[in-house]
Amino acid sequence: MVAFLKTTKEGTPMSPAAAWTLLIVGFVLPLIHVGVSARSGPWKAPEGSGCPIGPRWGWLVIVLLLGPIGWLMFMTKRRSRPPAAPRSRPRPIS
């Protein structure tokens, strides 16, 4: 048997209320925050993008997989301006 799953005479390792609180605060609230935040970007991918999903979907996946760590990554991201438009190559002077 797995030792850490056994219930001891002192009680269970975590109460159900504490487990639900950890689940809601650590995963559900960050997912809602990323889903409604304007900082997470559009739902659809920008034109000409090689990726079929938008930045908001990407952040939701990161937060879903990493939980509070993914949410901290989202909170600390630095996006001071939108992505620059592609530059055209200058014509050579002949």
N, C-alpha and C. Protein backbone atom coordinates (compact mmCIF):
# COMPACT_ATOMS: atom_id res chain seq x y z
N MET A 1 0.84 -1.20 0.00
CA MET A 1 0.00 0.00 0.00
C MET A 1 0.87 1.25 0.00
N VAL A 2 0.27 2.29 -0.51
CA VAL A 2 0.99 3.56 -0.52
C VAL A 2 0.85 4.20 0.85
N ALA A 3 1.99 4.53 1.43
CA ALA A 3 2.00 5.01 2.81
C ALA A 3 1.35 6.37 2.97
N PHE A 4 1.50 7.26 1.99
CA PHE A 4 0.98 8.61 2.18
C PHE A 4 -0.54 8.70 1.99
N LEU A 5 -1.20 7.66 1.50
CA LEU A 5 -2.65 7.66 1.35
C LEU A 5 -3.37 7.04 2.54
N LYS A 6 -2.63 6.42 3.43
CA LYS A 6 -3.26 5.80 4.59
C LYS A 6 -3.78 6.86 5.55
N THR A 7 -4.91 6.57 6.15
CA THR A 7 -5.47 7.45 7.16
C THR A 7 -4.92 7.02 8.52
N THR A 8 -4.44 7.97 9.25
CA THR A 8 -3.89 7.67 10.57
C THR A 8 -4.97 7.89 11.63
N LYS A 9 -4.67 7.51 12.86
CA LYS A 9 -5.61 7.72 13.96
C LYS A 9 -5.78 9.20 14.27
N GLU A 10 -4.80 10.00 13.91
CA GLU A 10 -4.89 11.44 14.19
C GLU A 10 -5.88 12.13 13.27
N GLY A 11 -6.21 11.55 12.14
CA GLY A 11 -7.16 12.16 11.21
C GLY A 11 -6.64 12.10 9.79
N THR A 12 -7.41 12.67 8.89
CA THR A 12 -7.03 12.68 7.49
C THR A 12 -5.97 13.75 7.25
N PRO A 13 -5.17 13.59 6.19
CA PRO A 13 -4.13 14.57 5.92
C PRO A 13 -4.67 15.96 5.63
N MET A 14 -5.86 16.07 5.01
CA MET A 14 -6.43 17.37 4.69
C MET A 14 -7.95 17.26 4.75
N SER A 15 -8.58 18.27 5.30
CA SER A 15 -10.04 18.25 5.36
C SER A 15 -10.63 18.51 3.98
N PRO A 16 -11.82 18.04 3.72
CA PRO A 16 -12.44 18.31 2.42
C PRO A 16 -12.63 19.80 2.14
N ALA A 17 -12.94 20.58 3.16
CA ALA A 17 -13.10 22.03 2.96
C ALA A 17 -11.78 22.68 2.54
N ALA A 18 -10.69 22.25 3.14
CA ALA A 18 -9.38 22.79 2.77
C ALA A 18 -9.00 22.38 1.36
N ALA A 19 -9.34 21.17 0.97
CA ALA A 19 -9.04 20.69 -0.38
C ALA A 19 -9.83 21.47 -1.43
N TRP A 20 -11.13 21.69 -1.17
CA TRP A 20 -11.94 22.47 -2.12
C TRP A 20 -11.47 23.92 -2.19
N THR A 21 -11.09 24.49 -1.06
CA THR A 21 -10.58 25.86 -1.06
C THR A 21 -9.31 25.96 -1.87
N LEU A 22 -8.41 25.01 -1.70
CA LEU A 22 -7.17 25.00 -2.47
C LEU A 22 -7.44 24.85 -3.96
N LEU A 23 -8.37 24.00 -4.31
CA LEU A 23 -8.72 23.79 -5.72
C LEU A 23 -9.34 25.04 -6.34
N ILE A 24 -10.25 25.67 -5.63
CA ILE A 24 -10.92 26.85 -6.17
C ILE A 24 -9.98 28.04 -6.25
N VAL A 25 -9.25 28.31 -5.18
CA VAL A 25 -8.36 29.47 -5.16
C VAL A 25 -7.14 29.25 -6.04
N GLY A 26 -6.64 28.03 -6.11
CA GLY A 26 -5.42 27.78 -6.86
C GLY A 26 -5.61 27.55 -8.34
N PHE A 27 -6.79 27.10 -8.76
CA PHE A 27 -6.98 26.76 -10.17
C PHE A 27 -8.17 27.47 -10.81
N VAL A 28 -9.33 27.45 -10.17
CA VAL A 28 -10.54 27.99 -10.81
C VAL A 28 -10.49 29.51 -10.91
N LEU A 29 -10.17 30.19 -9.83
CA LEU A 29 -10.12 31.66 -9.88
C LEU A 29 -9.05 32.18 -10.86
N PRO A 30 -7.85 31.61 -10.91
CA PRO A 30 -6.90 32.06 -11.93
C PRO A 30 -7.40 31.82 -13.36
N LEU A 31 -8.09 30.70 -13.60
CA LEU A 31 -8.63 30.45 -14.93
C LEU A 31 -9.68 31.50 -15.30
N ILE A 32 -10.54 31.84 -14.36
CA ILE A 32 -11.54 32.88 -14.62
C ILE A 32 -10.87 34.22 -14.87
N HIS A 33 -9.84 34.53 -14.07
CA HIS A 33 -9.14 35.80 -14.24
C HIS A 33 -8.50 35.91 -15.62
N VAL A 34 -7.83 34.87 -16.06
CA VAL A 34 -7.20 34.89 -17.38
C VAL A 34 -8.26 34.94 -18.48
N GLY A 35 -9.38 34.27 -18.27
CA GLY A 35 -10.43 34.25 -19.28
C GLY A 35 -11.11 35.59 -19.49
N VAL A 36 -11.23 36.40 -18.47
CA VAL A 36 -11.92 37.68 -18.60
C VAL A 36 -10.98 38.88 -18.69
N SER A 37 -9.70 38.69 -18.45
CA SER A 37 -8.76 39.80 -18.45
C SER A 37 -8.46 40.27 -19.87
N ALA A 38 -8.39 41.58 -20.03
CA ALA A 38 -8.03 42.15 -21.33
C ALA A 38 -6.55 41.96 -21.62
N ARG A 39 -5.74 41.76 -20.60
CA ARG A 39 -4.31 41.58 -20.78
C ARG A 39 -3.94 40.26 -21.43
N SER A 40 -4.87 39.31 -21.47
CA SER A 40 -4.52 38.00 -22.02
C SER A 40 -4.61 37.95 -23.54
N GLY A 41 -5.06 39.01 -24.18
CA GLY A 41 -5.07 39.07 -25.64
C GLY A 41 -6.36 38.56 -26.24
N PRO A 42 -6.43 38.52 -27.57
CA PRO A 42 -7.66 38.10 -28.24
C PRO A 42 -7.83 36.58 -28.22
N TRP A 43 -9.07 36.14 -28.46
CA TRP A 43 -9.36 34.71 -28.53
C TRP A 43 -8.82 34.11 -29.82
N LYS A 44 -8.89 34.87 -30.90
CA LYS A 44 -8.45 34.37 -32.20
C LYS A 44 -7.00 34.75 -32.45
N ALA A 45 -6.33 33.94 -33.25
CA ALA A 45 -4.92 34.20 -33.58
C ALA A 45 -4.84 35.39 -34.53
N PRO A 46 -3.76 36.17 -34.45
CA PRO A 46 -3.59 37.29 -35.37
C PRO A 46 -3.43 36.80 -36.81
N GLU A 47 -3.79 37.65 -37.76
CA GLU A 47 -3.64 37.31 -39.17
C GLU A 47 -2.17 37.00 -39.48
N GLY A 48 -1.95 36.00 -40.27
CA GLY A 48 -0.60 35.63 -40.66
C GLY A 48 0.18 34.86 -39.61
N SER A 49 -0.48 34.53 -38.53
CA SER A 49 0.18 33.80 -37.46
C SER A 49 0.28 32.32 -37.85
N GLY A 50 1.35 31.68 -37.45
CA GLY A 50 1.52 30.26 -37.73
C GLY A 50 0.78 29.37 -36.76
N CYS A 51 0.28 29.94 -35.67
CA CYS A 51 -0.40 29.17 -34.64
C CYS A 51 -1.91 29.33 -34.82
N PRO A 52 -2.67 28.24 -34.74
CA PRO A 52 -4.11 28.34 -34.96
C PRO A 52 -4.91 28.88 -33.77
N ILE A 53 -4.31 28.96 -32.60
CA ILE A 53 -5.05 29.44 -31.43
C ILE A 53 -4.55 30.83 -31.04
N GLY A 54 -5.39 31.57 -30.37
CA GLY A 54 -5.04 32.91 -29.93
C GLY A 54 -4.27 32.90 -28.63
N PRO A 55 -3.74 34.05 -28.25
CA PRO A 55 -2.95 34.13 -27.01
C PRO A 55 -3.77 33.83 -25.76
N ARG A 56 -5.05 34.19 -25.76
CA ARG A 56 -5.87 33.93 -24.58
C ARG A 56 -6.01 32.42 -24.34
N TRP A 57 -6.23 31.64 -25.42
CA TRP A 57 -6.29 30.19 -25.29
C TRP A 57 -4.96 29.63 -24.77
N GLY A 58 -3.86 30.19 -25.23
CA GLY A 58 -2.55 29.74 -24.77
C GLY A 58 -2.36 29.98 -23.29
N TRP A 59 -2.76 31.16 -22.81
CA TRP A 59 -2.65 31.45 -21.39
C TRP A 59 -3.56 30.55 -20.57
N LEU A 60 -4.75 30.26 -21.09
CA LEU A 60 -5.65 29.36 -20.35
C LEU A 60 -5.05 27.96 -20.21
N VAL A 61 -4.40 27.48 -21.25
CA VAL A 61 -3.76 26.16 -21.18
C VAL A 61 -2.60 26.18 -20.18
N ILE A 62 -1.82 27.24 -20.21
CA ILE A 62 -0.69 27.34 -19.28
C ILE A 62 -1.19 27.35 -17.84
N VAL A 63 -2.22 28.16 -17.56
CA VAL A 63 -2.75 28.23 -16.19
C VAL A 63 -3.42 26.91 -15.80
N LEU A 64 -4.08 26.25 -16.74
CA LEU A 64 -4.72 24.98 -16.43
C LEU A 64 -3.69 23.92 -16.07
N LEU A 65 -2.58 23.89 -16.80
CA LEU A 65 -1.56 22.86 -16.54
C LEU A 65 -0.67 23.18 -15.35
N LEU A 66 -0.33 24.46 -15.16
CA LEU A 66 0.61 24.82 -14.10
C LEU A 66 -0.04 25.39 -12.85
N GLY A 67 -1.33 25.70 -12.93
CA GLY A 67 -2.04 26.20 -11.76
C GLY A 67 -1.52 27.56 -11.31
N PRO A 68 -1.25 27.71 -10.03
CA PRO A 68 -0.82 29.00 -9.50
C PRO A 68 0.49 29.50 -10.12
N ILE A 69 1.37 28.60 -10.51
CA ILE A 69 2.62 29.02 -11.14
C ILE A 69 2.34 29.64 -12.51
N GLY A 70 1.43 29.04 -13.28
CA GLY A 70 1.04 29.61 -14.56
C GLY A 70 0.36 30.95 -14.39
N TRP A 71 -0.43 31.10 -13.34
CA TRP A 71 -1.09 32.37 -13.08
C TRP A 71 -0.06 33.45 -12.72
N LEU A 72 0.95 33.07 -11.94
CA LEU A 72 2.01 34.04 -11.63
C LEU A 72 2.78 34.42 -12.89
N MET A 73 2.98 33.48 -13.79
CA MET A 73 3.63 33.80 -15.07
C MET A 73 2.78 34.81 -15.85
N PHE A 74 1.47 34.61 -15.86
CA PHE A 74 0.57 35.54 -16.54
C PHE A 74 0.62 36.91 -15.89
N MET A 75 0.63 36.95 -14.56
CA MET A 75 0.62 38.23 -13.86
C MET A 75 1.91 39.02 -14.05
N THR A 76 3.03 38.32 -14.25
CA THR A 76 4.31 39.02 -14.37
C THR A 76 4.75 39.23 -15.81
N LYS A 77 3.92 38.83 -16.78
CA LYS A 77 4.32 39.04 -18.18
C LYS A 77 4.42 40.53 -18.46
N ARG A 78 5.34 40.86 -19.33
CA ARG A 78 5.55 42.27 -19.66
C ARG A 78 5.24 42.46 -21.13
N ARG A 79 4.19 43.18 -21.39
CA ARG A 79 3.82 43.48 -22.76
C ARG A 79 3.56 44.97 -22.83
N SER A 80 4.60 45.72 -23.12
CA SER A 80 4.47 47.17 -23.10
C SER A 80 3.78 47.71 -24.35
N ARG A 81 3.86 47.00 -25.45
CA ARG A 81 3.23 47.46 -26.68
C ARG A 81 2.82 46.25 -27.50
N PRO A 82 1.91 46.46 -28.46
CA PRO A 82 1.51 45.32 -29.29
C PRO A 82 2.65 44.88 -30.19
N PRO A 83 2.58 43.67 -30.71
CA PRO A 83 3.64 43.19 -31.60
C PRO A 83 3.79 44.11 -32.81
N ALA A 84 5.03 44.31 -33.21
CA ALA A 84 5.31 45.19 -34.33
C ALA A 84 4.87 44.55 -35.64
N ALA A 85 4.50 45.41 -36.59
CA ALA A 85 4.12 44.93 -37.91
C ALA A 85 5.39 44.46 -38.65
N PRO A 86 5.26 43.48 -39.53
CA PRO A 86 6.46 43.03 -40.25
C PRO A 86 7.01 44.15 -41.12
N ARG A 87 8.31 44.25 -41.12
CA ARG A 87 8.98 45.31 -41.89
C ARG A 87 9.26 44.82 -43.31
N SER A 88 9.14 45.74 -44.23
CA SER A 88 9.48 45.39 -45.61
C SER A 88 10.98 45.62 -45.81
N ARG A 89 11.56 44.86 -46.71
CA ARG A 89 13.00 44.98 -46.96
C ARG A 89 13.25 46.26 -47.78
N PRO A 90 14.24 47.02 -47.42
CA PRO A 90 14.53 48.23 -48.19
C PRO A 90 15.07 47.87 -49.59
N ARG A 91 14.73 48.70 -50.55
CA ARG A 91 15.21 48.45 -51.91
C ARG A 91 16.65 48.89 -52.03
N PRO A 92 17.45 48.10 -52.69
CA PRO A 92 18.85 48.53 -52.88
C PRO A 92 18.92 49.70 -53.84
N ILE A 93 19.83 50.59 -53.55
CA ILE A 93 20.02 51.78 -54.42
C ILE A 93 20.90 51.36 -55.58
N SER A 94 20.38 51.60 -56.80
CA SER A 94 21.19 51.23 -57.97
C SER A 94 21.40 52.39 -58.89
